[in-house]
């Protein structure tokens, strides 16, 4: 069994002492926290979001300014963007 030493700040030490006083083993709290953090991390990788969902959130959070003239193509439609890029033959630098 591996031993793990953790330095606690004043507030964390106070909370740990209170838990120990109430009969809760600190080692159990640490083990549960490690398992929960690992589970969240692994499950977060498995449950990845679709790029379209991410882009929808970005478009909702950062809408075009109202004074921007409308585009001749839809940025949300990959085939429309592809046609626009091919029509220009190359991307121009700003």
PDB file of N, CA and C in Angstrom:
ATOM      1  N   UNK A   1       0.843  -1.171   0.000  1.00  0.00           N
ATOM      2  CA  UNK A   1       0.000   0.000   0.000  1.00  0.00           C
ATOM      3  C   UNK A   1       0.891   1.238   0.000  1.00  0.00           C
ATOM      4  N   UNK A   2       0.568   2.178  -0.853  1.00  0.00           N
ATOM      5  CA  UNK A   2       1.357   3.403  -1.004  1.00  0.00           C
ATOM      6  C   UNK A   2       0.875   4.461  -0.006  1.00  0.00           C
ATOM      7  N   UNK A   3       1.815   5.151   0.596  1.00  0.00           N
ATOM      8  CA  UNK A   3       1.499   6.222   1.529  1.00  0.00           C
ATOM      9  C   UNK A   3       1.612   7.546   0.798  1.00  0.00           C
ATOM     10  N   UNK A   4       0.637   8.423   0.980  1.00  0.00           N
ATOM     11  CA  UNK A   4       0.610   9.715   0.313  1.00  0.00           C
ATOM     12  C   UNK A   4       0.550  10.811   1.367  1.00  0.00           C
ATOM     13  N   UNK A   5       1.518  11.705   1.337  1.00  0.00           N
ATOM     14  CA  UNK A   5       1.532  12.846   2.255  1.00  0.00           C
ATOM     15  C   UNK A   5       1.034  14.074   1.517  1.00  0.00           C
ATOM     16  N   UNK A   6       0.130  14.791   2.127  1.00  0.00           N
ATOM     17  CA  UNK A   6      -0.441  15.987   1.515  1.00  0.00           C
ATOM     18  C   UNK A   6      -0.322  17.139   2.504  1.00  0.00           C
ATOM     19  N   UNK A   7       0.220  18.251   2.031  1.00  0.00           N
ATOM     20  CA  UNK A   7       0.296  19.443   2.885  1.00  0.00           C
ATOM     21  C   UNK A   7      -1.048  20.167   2.799  1.00  0.00           C
ATOM     22  N   UNK A   8      -1.583  20.503   3.947  1.00  0.00           N
ATOM     23  CA  UNK A   8      -2.861  21.194   4.009  1.00  0.00           C
ATOM     24  C   UNK A   8      -2.651  22.619   4.484  1.00  0.00           C
ATOM     25  N   UNK A   9      -3.425  23.520   3.899  1.00  0.00           N
ATOM     26  CA  UNK A   9      -3.430  24.886   4.381  1.00  0.00           C
ATOM     27  C   UNK A   9      -4.203  24.965   5.689  1.00  0.00           C
ATOM     28  N   UNK A  10      -4.223  26.132   6.271  1.00  0.00           N
ATOM     29  CA  UNK A  10      -4.877  26.308   7.566  1.00  0.00           C
ATOM     30  C   UNK A  10      -6.344  25.917   7.524  1.00  0.00           C
ATOM     31  N   UNK A  11      -7.063  26.388   6.519  1.00  0.00           N
ATOM     32  CA  UNK A  11      -8.503  26.103   6.416  1.00  0.00           C
ATOM     33  C   UNK A  11      -8.763  24.618   6.178  1.00  0.00           C
ATOM     34  N   UNK A  12      -7.974  23.998   5.272  1.00  0.00           N
ATOM     35  CA  UNK A  12      -8.149  22.569   5.000  1.00  0.00           C
ATOM     36  C   UNK A  12      -7.817  21.730   6.228  1.00  0.00           C
ATOM     37  N   UNK A  13      -6.800  22.114   6.959  1.00  0.00           N
ATOM     38  CA  UNK A  13      -6.442  21.388   8.182  1.00  0.00           C
ATOM     39  C   UNK A  13      -7.560  21.494   9.212  1.00  0.00           C
ATOM     40  N   UNK A  14      -8.170  22.672   9.310  1.00  0.00           N
ATOM     41  CA  UNK A  14      -9.277  22.848  10.254  1.00  0.00           C
ATOM     42  C   UNK A  14     -10.453  21.957   9.871  1.00  0.00           C
ATOM     43  N   UNK A  15     -10.771  21.918   8.561  1.00  0.00           N
ATOM     44  CA  UNK A  15     -11.864  21.079   8.098  1.00  0.00           C
ATOM     45  C   UNK A  15     -11.574  19.596   8.317  1.00  0.00           C
ATOM     46  N   UNK A  16     -10.338  19.195   8.058  1.00  0.00           N
ATOM     47  CA  UNK A  16      -9.956  17.796   8.268  1.00  0.00           C
ATOM     48  C   UNK A  16     -10.067  17.419   9.741  1.00  0.00           C
ATOM     49  N   UNK A  17      -9.644  18.321  10.633  1.00  0.00           N
ATOM     50  CA  UNK A  17      -9.742  18.053  12.067  1.00  0.00           C
ATOM     51  C   UNK A  17     -11.200  17.917  12.486  1.00  0.00           C
ATOM     52  N   UNK A  18     -12.060  18.745  11.918  1.00  0.00           N
ATOM     53  CA  UNK A  18     -13.487  18.673  12.252  1.00  0.00           C
ATOM     54  C   UNK A  18     -14.092  17.343  11.786  1.00  0.00           C
ATOM     55  N   UNK A  19     -13.727  16.921  10.573  1.00  0.00           N
ATOM     56  CA  UNK A  19     -14.216  15.638  10.065  1.00  0.00           C
ATOM     57  C   UNK A  19     -13.729  14.490  10.945  1.00  0.00           C
ATOM     58  N   UNK A  20     -12.444  14.520  11.314  1.00  0.00           N
ATOM     59  CA  UNK A  20     -11.875  13.470  12.166  1.00  0.00           C
ATOM     60  C   UNK A  20     -12.586  13.449  13.522  1.00  0.00           C
ATOM     61  N   UNK A  21     -12.878  14.635  14.060  1.00  0.00           N
ATOM     62  CA  UNK A  21     -13.573  14.736  15.348  1.00  0.00           C
ATOM     63  C   UNK A  21     -14.973  14.134  15.253  1.00  0.00           C
ATOM     64  N   UNK A  22     -15.616  14.283  14.082  1.00  0.00           N
ATOM     65  CA  UNK A  22     -16.953  13.735  13.878  1.00  0.00           C
ATOM     66  C   UNK A  22     -16.931  12.250  13.513  1.00  0.00           C
ATOM     67  N   UNK A  23     -15.733  11.646  13.525  1.00  0.00           N
ATOM     68  CA  UNK A  23     -15.624  10.209  13.299  1.00  0.00           C
ATOM     69  C   UNK A  23     -15.500   9.791  11.841  1.00  0.00           C
ATOM     70  N   UNK A  24     -15.247  10.740  10.971  1.00  0.00           N
ATOM     71  CA  UNK A  24     -15.105  10.418   9.545  1.00  0.00           C
ATOM     72  C   UNK A  24     -13.620  10.225   9.252  1.00  0.00           C
ATOM     73  N   UNK A  25     -13.234   9.039   8.769  1.00  0.00           N
ATOM     74  CA  UNK A  25     -11.818   8.809   8.464  1.00  0.00           C
ATOM     75  C   UNK A  25     -11.360   9.655   7.278  1.00  0.00           C
ATOM     76  N   UNK A  26     -10.308  10.413   7.478  1.00  0.00           N
ATOM     77  CA  UNK A  26      -9.787  11.290   6.428  1.00  0.00           C
ATOM     78  C   UNK A  26      -9.313  10.466   5.235  1.00  0.00           C
ATOM     79  N   UNK A  27      -8.747   9.304   5.494  1.00  0.00           N
ATOM     80  CA  UNK A  27      -8.272   8.457   4.398  1.00  0.00           C
ATOM     81  C   UNK A  27      -9.430   8.067   3.476  1.00  0.00           C
ATOM     82  N   UNK A  28     -10.595   7.823   4.056  1.00  0.00           N
ATOM     83  CA  UNK A  28     -11.773   7.482   3.244  1.00  0.00           C
ATOM     84  C   UNK A  28     -12.191   8.680   2.382  1.00  0.00           C
ATOM     85  N   UNK A  29     -12.148   9.876   2.944  1.00  0.00           N
ATOM     86  CA  UNK A  29     -12.503  11.087   2.202  1.00  0.00           C
ATOM     87  C   UNK A  29     -11.548  11.281   1.025  1.00  0.00           C
ATOM     88  N   UNK A  30     -10.247  11.076   1.277  1.00  0.00           N
ATOM     89  CA  UNK A  30      -9.244  11.246   0.222  1.00  0.00           C
ATOM     90  C   UNK A  30      -9.442  10.203  -0.868  1.00  0.00           C
ATOM     91  N   UNK A  31      -9.666   8.947  -0.491  1.00  0.00           N
ATOM     92  CA  UNK A  31      -9.873   7.891  -1.492  1.00  0.00           C
ATOM     93  C   UNK A  31     -11.101   8.188  -2.359  1.00  0.00           C
ATOM     94  N   UNK A  32     -12.194   8.612  -1.720  1.00  0.00           N
ATOM     95  CA  UNK A  32     -13.406   8.932  -2.483  1.00  0.00           C
ATOM     96  C   UNK A  32     -13.177  10.114  -3.421  1.00  0.00           C
ATOM     97  N   UNK A  33     -12.440  11.120  -2.959  1.00  0.00           N
ATOM     98  CA  UNK A  33     -12.156  12.285  -3.802  1.00  0.00           C
ATOM     99  C   UNK A  33     -11.299  11.897  -5.001  1.00  0.00           C
ATOM    100  N   UNK A  34     -10.311  11.025  -4.782  1.00  0.00           N
ATOM    101  CA  UNK A  34      -9.464  10.570  -5.888  1.00  0.00           C
ATOM    102  C   UNK A  34     -10.292   9.791  -6.895  1.00  0.00           C
ATOM    103  N   UNK A  35     -11.129   8.879  -6.417  1.00  0.00           N
ATOM    104  CA  UNK A  35     -11.969   8.088  -7.326  1.00  0.00           C
ATOM    105  C   UNK A  35     -12.936   8.977  -8.100  1.00  0.00           C
ATOM    106  N   UNK A  36     -13.540   9.941  -7.425  1.00  0.00           N
ATOM    107  CA  UNK A  36     -14.498  10.829  -8.098  1.00  0.00           C
ATOM    108  C   UNK A  36     -13.793  11.676  -9.164  1.00  0.00           C
ATOM    109  N   UNK A  37     -12.624  12.212  -8.843  1.00  0.00           N
ATOM    110  CA  UNK A  37     -11.882  13.029  -9.808  1.00  0.00           C
ATOM    111  C   UNK A  37     -11.456  12.187 -11.001  1.00  0.00           C
ATOM    112  N   UNK A  38     -11.012  10.964 -10.744  1.00  0.00           N
ATOM    113  CA  UNK A  38     -10.596  10.089 -11.837  1.00  0.00           C
ATOM    114  C   UNK A  38     -11.793   9.715 -12.704  1.00  0.00           C
ATOM    115  N   UNK A  39     -12.906   9.386 -12.057  1.00  0.00           N
ATOM    116  CA  UNK A  39     -14.118   9.020 -12.796  1.00  0.00           C
ATOM    117  C   UNK A  39     -14.592  10.178 -13.679  1.00  0.00           C
ATOM    118  N   UNK A  40     -14.590  11.383 -13.151  1.00  0.00           N
ATOM    119  CA  UNK A  40     -14.998  12.556 -13.931  1.00  0.00           C
ATOM    120  C   UNK A  40     -14.064  12.777 -15.114  1.00  0.00           C
ATOM    121  N   UNK A  41     -12.796  12.588 -14.895  1.00  0.00           N
ATOM    122  CA  UNK A  41     -11.813  12.813 -15.953  1.00  0.00           C
ATOM    123  C   UNK A  41     -11.951  11.775 -17.066  1.00  0.00           C
ATOM    124  N   UNK A  42     -12.075  10.498 -16.696  1.00  0.00           N
ATOM    125  CA  UNK A  42     -12.200   9.431 -17.690  1.00  0.00           C
ATOM    126  C   UNK A  42     -13.532   9.528 -18.409  1.00  0.00           C
ATOM    127  N   UNK A  43     -14.604   9.766 -17.679  1.00  0.00           N
ATOM    128  CA  UNK A  43     -15.927   9.868 -18.298  1.00  0.00           C
ATOM    129  C   UNK A  43     -16.006  11.088 -19.202  1.00  0.00           C
ATOM    130  N   UNK A  44     -15.316  12.157 -18.845  1.00  0.00           N
ATOM    131  CA  UNK A  44     -15.302  13.358 -19.673  1.00  0.00           C
ATOM    132  C   UNK A  44     -14.668  13.095 -21.025  1.00  0.00           C
ATOM    133  N   UNK A  45     -13.658  12.223 -21.059  1.00  0.00           N
ATOM    134  CA  UNK A  45     -13.022  11.886 -22.333  1.00  0.00           C
ATOM    135  C   UNK A  45     -13.932  11.035 -23.193  1.00  0.00           C
ATOM    136  N   UNK A  46     -14.639  10.113 -22.573  1.00  0.00           N
ATOM    137  CA  UNK A  46     -15.511   9.211 -23.326  1.00  0.00           C
ATOM    138  C   UNK A  46     -16.700   9.968 -23.890  1.00  0.00           C
ATOM    139  N   UNK A  47     -17.259  10.852 -23.100  1.00  0.00           N
ATOM    140  CA  UNK A  47     -18.451  11.578 -23.500  1.00  0.00           C
ATOM    141  C   UNK A  47     -18.069  12.890 -24.178  1.00  0.00           C
ATOM    142  N   UNK A  48     -17.383  12.787 -25.282  1.00  0.00           N
ATOM    143  CA  UNK A  48     -16.984  13.997 -25.979  1.00  0.00           C
ATOM    144  C   UNK A  48     -18.168  14.557 -26.767  1.00  0.00           C
ATOM    145  N   UNK A  49     -18.159  15.849 -26.938  1.00  0.00           N
ATOM    146  CA  UNK A  49     -19.258  16.498 -27.655  1.00  0.00           C
ATOM    147  C   UNK A  49     -18.955  16.579 -29.131  1.00  0.00           C
ATOM    148  N   UNK A  50     -20.002  16.641 -29.901  1.00  0.00           N
ATOM    149  CA  UNK A  50     -19.852  16.761 -31.349  1.00  0.00           C
ATOM    150  C   UNK A  50     -19.374  18.173 -31.679  1.00  0.00           C
ATOM    151  N   UNK A  51     -18.545  18.296 -32.701  1.00  0.00           N
ATOM    152  CA  UNK A  51     -18.075  19.629 -33.096  1.00  0.00           C
ATOM    153  C   UNK A  51     -19.231  20.580 -33.421  1.00  0.00           C
ATOM    154  N   UNK A  52     -20.312  20.071 -34.000  1.00  0.00           N
ATOM    155  CA  UNK A  52     -21.451  20.937 -34.323  1.00  0.00           C
ATOM    156  C   UNK A  52     -22.077  21.532 -33.057  1.00  0.00           C
ATOM    157  N   UNK A  53     -22.097  20.755 -31.961  1.00  0.00           N
ATOM    158  CA  UNK A  53     -22.622  21.279 -30.695  1.00  0.00           C
ATOM    159  C   UNK A  53     -21.726  22.395 -30.164  1.00  0.00           C
ATOM    160  N   UNK A  54     -20.429  22.175 -30.244  1.00  0.00           N
ATOM    161  CA  UNK A  54     -19.482  23.180 -29.765  1.00  0.00           C
ATOM    162  C   UNK A  54     -19.605  24.459 -30.585  1.00  0.00           C
ATOM    163  N   UNK A  55     -19.676  24.315 -31.915  1.00  0.00           N
ATOM    164  CA  UNK A  55     -19.795  25.491 -32.777  1.00  0.00           C
ATOM    165  C   UNK A  55     -21.114  26.224 -32.529  1.00  0.00           C
ATOM    166  N   UNK A  56     -22.196  25.501 -32.295  1.00  0.00           N
ATOM    167  CA  UNK A  56     -23.479  26.147 -32.002  1.00  0.00           C
ATOM    168  C   UNK A  56     -23.374  27.012 -30.749  1.00  0.00           C
ATOM    169  N   UNK A  57     -22.656  26.519 -29.739  1.00  0.00           N
ATOM    170  CA  UNK A  57     -22.457  27.310 -28.526  1.00  0.00           C
ATOM    171  C   UNK A  57     -21.625  28.563 -28.813  1.00  0.00           C
ATOM    172  N   UNK A  58     -20.605  28.409 -29.646  1.00  0.00           N
ATOM    173  CA  UNK A  58     -19.758  29.562 -29.985  1.00  0.00           C
ATOM    174  C   UNK A  58     -20.568  30.606 -30.742  1.00  0.00           C
ATOM    175  N   UNK A  59     -21.367  30.180 -31.730  1.00  0.00           N
ATOM    176  CA  UNK A  59     -22.191  31.127 -32.487  1.00  0.00           C
ATOM    177  C   UNK A  59     -23.212  31.827 -31.584  1.00  0.00           C
ATOM    178  N   UNK A  60     -23.758  31.103 -30.618  1.00  0.00           N
ATOM    179  CA  UNK A  60     -24.729  31.710 -29.703  1.00  0.00           C
ATOM    180  C   UNK A  60     -24.054  32.711 -28.769  1.00  0.00           C
ATOM    181  N   UNK A  61     -22.852  32.385 -28.319  1.00  0.00           N
ATOM    182  CA  UNK A  61     -22.147  33.268 -27.387  1.00  0.00           C
ATOM    183  C   UNK A  61     -21.531  34.478 -28.077  1.00  0.00           C
ATOM    184  N   UNK A  62     -21.158  34.323 -29.358  1.00  0.00           N
ATOM    185  CA  UNK A  62     -20.476  35.400 -30.078  1.00  0.00           C
ATOM    186  C   UNK A  62     -21.187  35.687 -31.402  1.00  0.00           C
ATOM    187  N   UNK A  63     -22.357  36.278 -31.335  1.00  0.00           N
ATOM    188  CA  UNK A  63     -23.080  36.550 -32.590  1.00  0.00           C
ATOM    189  C   UNK A  63     -22.395  37.653 -33.392  1.00  0.00           C
ATOM    190  N   UNK A  64     -22.696  37.699 -34.687  1.00  0.00           N
ATOM    191  CA  UNK A  64     -22.167  38.765 -35.540  1.00  0.00           C
ATOM    192  C   UNK A  64     -22.748  40.100 -35.095  1.00  0.00           C
ATOM    193  N   UNK A  65     -21.966  41.190 -35.202  1.00  0.00           N
ATOM    194  CA  UNK A  65     -22.509  42.513 -34.860  1.00  0.00           C
ATOM    195  C   UNK A  65     -23.650  42.873 -35.809  1.00  0.00           C
ATOM    196  N   UNK A  66     -24.609  43.656 -35.347  1.00  0.00           N
ATOM    197  CA  UNK A  66     -25.768  43.982 -36.183  1.00  0.00           C
ATOM    198  C   UNK A  66     -25.433  44.787 -37.433  1.00  0.00           C
ATOM    199  N   UNK A  67     -24.331  45.541 -37.419  1.00  0.00           N
ATOM    200  CA  UNK A  67     -23.988  46.367 -38.583  1.00  0.00           C
ATOM    201  C   UNK A  67     -23.133  45.623 -39.617  1.00  0.00           C
ATOM    202  N   UNK A  68     -22.869  44.348 -39.398  1.00  0.00           N
ATOM    203  CA  UNK A  68     -22.075  43.559 -40.339  1.00  0.00           C
ATOM    204  C   UNK A  68     -22.935  43.192 -41.550  1.00  0.00           C
ATOM    205  N   UNK A  69     -22.454  43.474 -42.767  1.00  0.00           N
ATOM    206  CA  UNK A  69     -23.255  43.110 -43.941  1.00  0.00           C
ATOM    207  C   UNK A  69     -23.387  41.586 -44.042  1.00  0.00           C
ATOM    208  N   UNK A  70     -24.499  41.103 -44.547  1.00  0.00           N
ATOM    209  CA  UNK A  70     -24.697  39.648 -44.624  1.00  0.00           C
ATOM    210  C   UNK A  70     -23.703  39.002 -45.591  1.00  0.00           C
ATOM    211  N   UNK A  71     -23.280  37.793 -45.243  1.00  0.00           N
ATOM    212  CA  UNK A  71     -22.366  37.053 -46.111  1.00  0.00           C
ATOM    213  C   UNK A  71     -23.152  36.406 -47.239  1.00  0.00           C
ATOM    214  N   UNK A  72     -22.431  36.092 -48.312  1.00  0.00           N
ATOM    215  CA  UNK A  72     -23.067  35.414 -49.432  1.00  0.00           C
ATOM    216  C   UNK A  72     -23.080  33.899 -49.231  1.00  0.00           C
ATOM    217  N   UNK A  73     -22.525  33.460 -48.124  1.00  0.00           N
ATOM    218  CA  UNK A  73     -22.476  32.027 -47.827  1.00  0.00           C
ATOM    219  C   UNK A  73     -22.708  31.820 -46.339  1.00  0.00           C
ATOM    220  N   UNK A  74     -23.077  30.603 -45.962  1.00  0.00           N
ATOM    221  CA  UNK A  74     -23.384  30.276 -44.580  1.00  0.00           C
ATOM    222  C   UNK A  74     -22.177  29.612 -43.928  1.00  0.00           C
ATOM    223  N   UNK A  75     -21.640  30.235 -42.897  1.00  0.00           N
ATOM    224  CA  UNK A  75     -20.482  29.681 -42.211  1.00  0.00           C
ATOM    225  C   UNK A  75     -20.792  28.367 -41.511  1.00  0.00           C
ATOM    226  N   UNK A  76     -22.048  28.111 -41.235  1.00  0.00           N
ATOM    227  CA  UNK A  76     -22.436  26.887 -40.546  1.00  0.00           C
ATOM    228  C   UNK A  76     -22.567  25.698 -41.496  1.00  0.00           C
ATOM    229  N   UNK A  77     -22.506  25.954 -42.789  1.00  0.00           N
ATOM    230  CA  UNK A  77     -22.657  24.902 -43.793  1.00  0.00           C
ATOM    231  C   UNK A  77     -21.293  24.600 -44.416  1.00  0.00           C
ATOM    232  N   UNK A  78     -20.696  23.440 -44.095  1.00  0.00           N
ATOM    233  CA  UNK A  78     -19.355  23.139 -44.597  1.00  0.00           C
ATOM    234  C   UNK A  78     -19.250  23.152 -46.121  1.00  0.00           C
ATOM    235  N   UNK A  79     -20.257  22.669 -46.816  1.00  0.00           N
ATOM    236  CA  UNK A  79     -20.177  22.654 -48.280  1.00  0.00           C
ATOM    237  C   UNK A  79     -20.218  24.074 -48.843  1.00  0.00           C
ATOM    238  N   UNK A  80     -20.967  24.966 -48.217  1.00  0.00           N
ATOM    239  CA  UNK A  80     -21.020  26.354 -48.641  1.00  0.00           C
ATOM    240  C   UNK A  80     -19.661  27.030 -48.449  1.00  0.00           C
ATOM    241  N   UNK A  81     -19.041  26.782 -47.319  1.00  0.00           N
ATOM    242  CA  UNK A  81     -17.726  27.358 -47.046  1.00  0.00           C
ATOM    243  C   UNK A  81     -16.692  26.783 -48.012  1.00  0.00           C
ATOM    244  N   UNK A  82     -16.754  25.487 -48.257  1.00  0.00           N
ATOM    245  CA  UNK A  82     -15.822  24.852 -49.190  1.00  0.00           C
ATOM    246  C   UNK A  82     -15.927  25.474 -50.582  1.00  0.00           C
ATOM    247  N   UNK A  83     -17.151  25.681 -51.047  1.00  0.00           N
ATOM    248  CA  UNK A  83     -17.354  26.304 -52.363  1.00  0.00           C
ATOM    249  C   UNK A  83     -16.762  27.714 -52.392  1.00  0.00           C
ATOM    250  N   UNK A  84     -16.944  28.465 -51.322  1.00  0.00           N
ATOM    251  CA  UNK A  84     -16.420  29.825 -51.249  1.00  0.00           C
ATOM    252  C   UNK A  84     -14.893  29.821 -51.293  1.00  0.00           C
ATOM    253  N   UNK A  85     -14.274  28.897 -50.571  1.00  0.00           N
ATOM    254  CA  UNK A  85     -12.808  28.817 -50.573  1.00  0.00           C
ATOM    255  C   UNK A  85     -12.302  28.441 -51.958  1.00  0.00           C
ATOM    256  N   UNK A  86     -12.926  27.456 -52.577  1.00  0.00           N
ATOM    257  CA  UNK A  86     -12.489  27.030 -53.911  1.00  0.00           C
ATOM    258  C   UNK A  86     -12.696  28.139 -54.942  1.00  0.00           C
ATOM    259  N   UNK A  87     -13.729  28.942 -54.764  1.00  0.00           N
ATOM    260  CA  UNK A  87     -13.991  30.026 -55.709  1.00  0.00           C
ATOM    261  C   UNK A  87     -12.897  31.086 -55.635  1.00  0.00           C
ATOM    262  N   UNK A  88     -12.337  31.279 -54.496  1.00  0.00           N
ATOM    263  CA  UNK A  88     -11.281  32.286 -54.332  1.00  0.00           C
ATOM    264  C   UNK A  88      -9.904  31.731 -54.661  1.00  0.00           C
ATOM    265  N   UNK A  89      -9.792  30.449 -54.797  1.00  0.00           N
ATOM    266  CA  UNK A  89      -8.549  29.751 -55.151  1.00  0.00           C
ATOM    267  C   UNK A  89      -7.495  29.769 -54.045  1.00  0.00           C
ATOM    268  N   UNK A  90      -7.498  30.760 -53.220  1.00  0.00           N
ATOM    269  CA  UNK A  90      -6.556  30.796 -52.094  1.00  0.00           C
ATOM    270  C   UNK A  90      -7.137  31.711 -51.024  1.00  0.00           C
ATOM    271  N   UNK A  91      -6.677  31.519 -49.831  1.00  0.00           N
ATOM    272  CA  UNK A  91      -7.101  32.375 -48.732  1.00  0.00           C
ATOM    273  C   UNK A  91      -6.186  33.584 -48.654  1.00  0.00           C
ATOM    274  N   UNK A  92      -6.780  34.737 -48.542  1.00  0.00           N
ATOM    275  CA  UNK A  92      -5.991  35.969 -48.431  1.00  0.00           C
ATOM    276  C   UNK A  92      -5.676  36.239 -46.965  1.00  0.00           C
ATOM    277  N   UNK A  93      -4.492  36.743 -46.729  1.00  0.00           N
ATOM    278  CA  UNK A  93      -4.127  37.120 -45.356  1.00  0.00           C
ATOM    279  C   UNK A  93      -4.732  38.485 -45.044  1.00  0.00           C
ATOM    280  N   UNK A  94      -5.141  38.703 -43.805  1.00  0.00           N
ATOM    281  CA  UNK A  94      -5.729  40.004 -43.434  1.00  0.00           C
ATOM    282  C   UNK A  94      -4.735  41.138 -43.458  1.00  0.00           C
TER     283      UNK A  94
END
